Amino acid sequence: MNRASIEHILELPPSDRVAIVQEIWESVVEDISAIPLTTGQREELEKRWLDFQQNPEEGESWDEVEKALRSE
């Protein structure tokens, strides 16, 4: 495994940094049980996932969410 300092990673172009983040995220979700969540957090995530599965058209894209957050 290659190890790089955070300083080096932050000097990379945004597209490369995003690729690194995606790779890290994929390695995390492979073992979702390792993510420490409270019972309430897990229940809320399960509820939201079920809601989305039943009504995917009612969800918002990340672009919409990001825009709303940045305008606050």
N, C-alpha and C. Protein backbone atom coordinates (compact mmCIF):
# COMPACT_ATOMS: atom_id res chain seq x y z
N MET A 1 0.84 -1.18 0.00
CA MET A 1 0.00 0.00 0.00
C MET A 1 0.88 1.24 0.00
N ASN A 2 0.54 2.18 -0.86
CA ASN A 2 1.25 3.45 -0.88
C ASN A 2 0.70 4.37 0.19
N ARG A 3 1.59 5.03 0.88
CA ARG A 3 1.17 5.99 1.90
C ARG A 3 1.64 7.37 1.45
N ALA A 4 0.73 8.31 1.52
CA ALA A 4 1.06 9.68 1.13
C ALA A 4 0.65 10.61 2.25
N SER A 5 1.39 11.67 2.39
CA SER A 5 1.02 12.64 3.41
C SER A 5 -0.22 13.39 2.97
N ILE A 6 -0.99 13.85 3.92
CA ILE A 6 -2.18 14.63 3.61
C ILE A 6 -1.82 15.88 2.82
N GLU A 7 -0.66 16.45 3.12
CA GLU A 7 -0.23 17.65 2.39
C GLU A 7 -0.07 17.34 0.91
N HIS A 8 0.51 16.18 0.60
CA HIS A 8 0.69 15.79 -0.80
C HIS A 8 -0.67 15.56 -1.47
N ILE A 9 -1.56 14.88 -0.76
CA ILE A 9 -2.88 14.60 -1.32
C ILE A 9 -3.63 15.90 -1.61
N LEU A 10 -3.53 16.86 -0.70
CA LEU A 10 -4.25 18.12 -0.89
C LEU A 10 -3.69 18.95 -2.04
N GLU A 11 -2.50 18.64 -2.50
CA GLU A 11 -1.92 19.33 -3.65
C GLU A 11 -2.41 18.75 -4.98
N LEU A 12 -3.04 17.59 -4.94
CA LEU A 12 -3.53 16.95 -6.16
C LEU A 12 -4.72 17.72 -6.72
N PRO A 13 -4.98 17.55 -8.02
CA PRO A 13 -6.16 18.18 -8.61
C PRO A 13 -7.43 17.63 -7.95
N PRO A 14 -8.49 18.42 -7.94
CA PRO A 14 -9.74 17.98 -7.31
C PRO A 14 -10.23 16.61 -7.81
N SER A 15 -10.13 16.35 -9.09
CA SER A 15 -10.62 15.06 -9.61
C SER A 15 -9.84 13.88 -9.02
N ASP A 16 -8.55 14.06 -8.81
CA ASP A 16 -7.75 12.99 -8.19
C ASP A 16 -8.12 12.82 -6.72
N ARG A 17 -8.36 13.93 -6.03
CA ARG A 17 -8.76 13.84 -4.62
C ARG A 17 -10.11 13.15 -4.48
N VAL A 18 -11.03 13.47 -5.39
CA VAL A 18 -12.35 12.82 -5.35
C VAL A 18 -12.19 11.32 -5.58
N ALA A 19 -11.34 10.93 -6.51
CA ALA A 19 -11.12 9.50 -6.77
C ALA A 19 -10.58 8.80 -5.52
N ILE A 20 -9.69 9.47 -4.80
CA ILE A 20 -9.14 8.90 -3.56
C ILE A 20 -10.24 8.75 -2.52
N VAL A 21 -11.07 9.77 -2.38
CA VAL A 21 -12.17 9.72 -1.41
C VAL A 21 -13.13 8.59 -1.76
N GLN A 22 -13.44 8.44 -3.03
CA GLN A 22 -14.35 7.37 -3.45
C GLN A 22 -13.75 6.00 -3.11
N GLU A 23 -12.47 5.83 -3.34
CA GLU A 23 -11.81 4.57 -3.04
C GLU A 23 -11.85 4.29 -1.53
N ILE A 24 -11.60 5.32 -0.74
CA ILE A 24 -11.65 5.16 0.72
C ILE A 24 -13.07 4.81 1.15
N TRP A 25 -14.06 5.56 0.62
CA TRP A 25 -15.45 5.31 1.00
C TRP A 25 -15.86 3.88 0.65
N GLU A 26 -15.49 3.41 -0.53
CA GLU A 26 -15.84 2.05 -0.92
C GLU A 26 -15.23 1.03 0.03
N SER A 27 -14.03 1.31 0.53
CA SER A 27 -13.40 0.37 1.47
C SER A 27 -14.13 0.39 2.81
N VAL A 28 -14.72 1.52 3.17
CA VAL A 28 -15.46 1.63 4.43
C VAL A 28 -16.78 0.90 4.33
N VAL A 29 -17.52 1.12 3.26
CA VAL A 29 -18.84 0.51 3.15
C VAL A 29 -18.80 -0.99 2.91
N GLU A 30 -17.63 -1.52 2.60
CA GLU A 30 -17.51 -2.98 2.49
C GLU A 30 -17.82 -3.63 3.83
N ASP A 31 -17.54 -2.94 4.92
CA ASP A 31 -17.82 -3.45 6.26
C ASP A 31 -18.63 -2.40 7.01
N ILE A 32 -19.86 -2.21 6.58
CA ILE A 32 -20.71 -1.15 7.13
C ILE A 32 -20.92 -1.31 8.62
N SER A 33 -20.85 -2.52 9.12
CA SER A 33 -21.05 -2.74 10.56
C SER A 33 -19.94 -2.11 11.39
N ALA A 34 -18.82 -1.78 10.77
CA ALA A 34 -17.70 -1.18 11.50
C ALA A 34 -17.90 0.32 11.74
N ILE A 35 -18.92 0.91 11.11
CA ILE A 35 -19.18 2.33 11.29
C ILE A 35 -19.97 2.50 12.58
N PRO A 36 -19.41 3.22 13.54
CA PRO A 36 -20.08 3.35 14.84
C PRO A 36 -21.27 4.32 14.79
N LEU A 37 -22.48 3.77 14.83
CA LEU A 37 -23.69 4.58 14.85
C LEU A 37 -24.50 4.18 16.08
N THR A 38 -25.23 5.13 16.60
CA THR A 38 -26.14 4.81 17.69
C THR A 38 -27.34 4.06 17.12
N THR A 39 -28.11 3.46 17.99
CA THR A 39 -29.32 2.76 17.56
C THR A 39 -30.26 3.73 16.85
N GLY A 40 -30.39 4.93 17.40
CA GLY A 40 -31.25 5.94 16.78
C GLY A 40 -30.79 6.32 15.38
N GLN A 41 -29.47 6.47 15.22
CA GLN A 41 -28.93 6.82 13.90
C GLN A 41 -29.20 5.69 12.90
N ARG A 42 -28.97 4.46 13.32
CA ARG A 42 -29.23 3.32 12.43
C ARG A 42 -30.71 3.24 12.04
N GLU A 43 -31.60 3.46 13.02
CA GLU A 43 -33.03 3.43 12.74
C GLU A 43 -33.41 4.53 11.75
N GLU A 44 -32.86 5.72 11.93
CA GLU A 44 -33.16 6.83 11.02
C GLU A 44 -32.64 6.54 9.61
N LEU A 45 -31.45 6.00 9.50
CA LEU A 45 -30.92 5.66 8.18
C LEU A 45 -31.77 4.59 7.51
N GLU A 46 -32.19 3.59 8.26
CA GLU A 46 -33.04 2.53 7.71
C GLU A 46 -34.37 3.12 7.23
N LYS A 47 -34.97 4.01 8.04
CA LYS A 47 -36.23 4.65 7.67
C LYS A 47 -36.07 5.45 6.38
N ARG A 48 -34.98 6.23 6.32
CA ARG A 48 -34.76 7.05 5.12
C ARG A 48 -34.52 6.18 3.89
N TRP A 49 -33.79 5.09 4.06
CA TRP A 49 -33.52 4.18 2.94
C TRP A 49 -34.83 3.57 2.43
N LEU A 50 -35.67 3.12 3.34
CA LEU A 50 -36.96 2.55 2.95
C LEU A 50 -37.82 3.60 2.26
N ASP A 51 -37.85 4.81 2.80
CA ASP A 51 -38.61 5.90 2.17
C ASP A 51 -38.11 6.14 0.75
N PHE A 52 -36.81 6.17 0.57
CA PHE A 52 -36.24 6.41 -0.76
C PHE A 52 -36.60 5.28 -1.72
N GLN A 53 -36.53 4.04 -1.24
CA GLN A 53 -36.85 2.91 -2.11
C GLN A 53 -38.31 2.96 -2.58
N GLN A 54 -39.19 3.43 -1.70
CA GLN A 54 -40.60 3.51 -2.06
C GLN A 54 -40.92 4.73 -2.92
N ASN A 55 -40.14 5.81 -2.77
CA ASN A 55 -40.40 7.07 -3.48
C ASN A 55 -39.10 7.69 -3.98
N PRO A 56 -38.39 7.04 -4.89
CA PRO A 56 -37.09 7.59 -5.33
C PRO A 56 -37.20 8.94 -6.02
N GLU A 57 -38.34 9.23 -6.62
CA GLU A 57 -38.50 10.52 -7.31
C GLU A 57 -38.60 11.69 -6.34
N GLU A 58 -38.87 11.41 -5.08
CA GLU A 58 -38.98 12.47 -4.09
C GLU A 58 -37.64 12.85 -3.47
N GLY A 59 -36.60 12.09 -3.78
CA GLY A 59 -35.27 12.41 -3.25
C GLY A 59 -34.67 13.62 -3.94
N GLU A 60 -33.59 14.13 -3.39
CA GLU A 60 -32.89 15.27 -3.96
C GLU A 60 -31.50 14.83 -4.41
N SER A 61 -31.03 15.41 -5.49
CA SER A 61 -29.68 15.11 -5.95
C SER A 61 -28.67 15.76 -5.01
N TRP A 62 -27.45 15.26 -5.04
CA TRP A 62 -26.41 15.86 -4.21
C TRP A 62 -26.22 17.33 -4.58
N ASP A 63 -26.31 17.65 -5.88
CA ASP A 63 -26.16 19.05 -6.31
C ASP A 63 -27.21 19.94 -5.64
N GLU A 64 -28.45 19.45 -5.54
CA GLU A 64 -29.49 20.24 -4.91
C GLU A 64 -29.23 20.42 -3.41
N VAL A 65 -28.81 19.35 -2.77
CA VAL A 65 -28.51 19.40 -1.35
C VAL A 65 -27.35 20.35 -1.08
N GLU A 66 -26.29 20.21 -1.88
CA GLU A 66 -25.11 21.07 -1.71
C GLU A 66 -25.47 22.54 -1.91
N LYS A 67 -26.26 22.83 -2.95
CA LYS A 67 -26.67 24.20 -3.22
C LYS A 67 -27.45 24.77 -2.04
N ALA A 68 -28.37 23.98 -1.49
CA ALA A 68 -29.16 24.44 -0.35
C ALA A 68 -28.28 24.70 0.87
N LEU A 69 -27.34 23.81 1.10
CA LEU A 69 -26.44 23.98 2.26
C LEU A 69 -25.57 25.20 2.11
N ARG A 70 -25.09 25.45 0.92
CA ARG A 70 -24.20 26.60 0.70
C ARG A 70 -24.94 27.93 0.76
N SER A 71 -26.25 27.90 0.52
CA SER A 71 -27.01 29.15 0.53
C SER A 71 -27.49 29.52 1.94
N GLU A 72 -27.27 28.65 2.91
CA GLU A 72 -27.69 28.95 4.29
C GLU A 72 -26.76 29.93 4.95
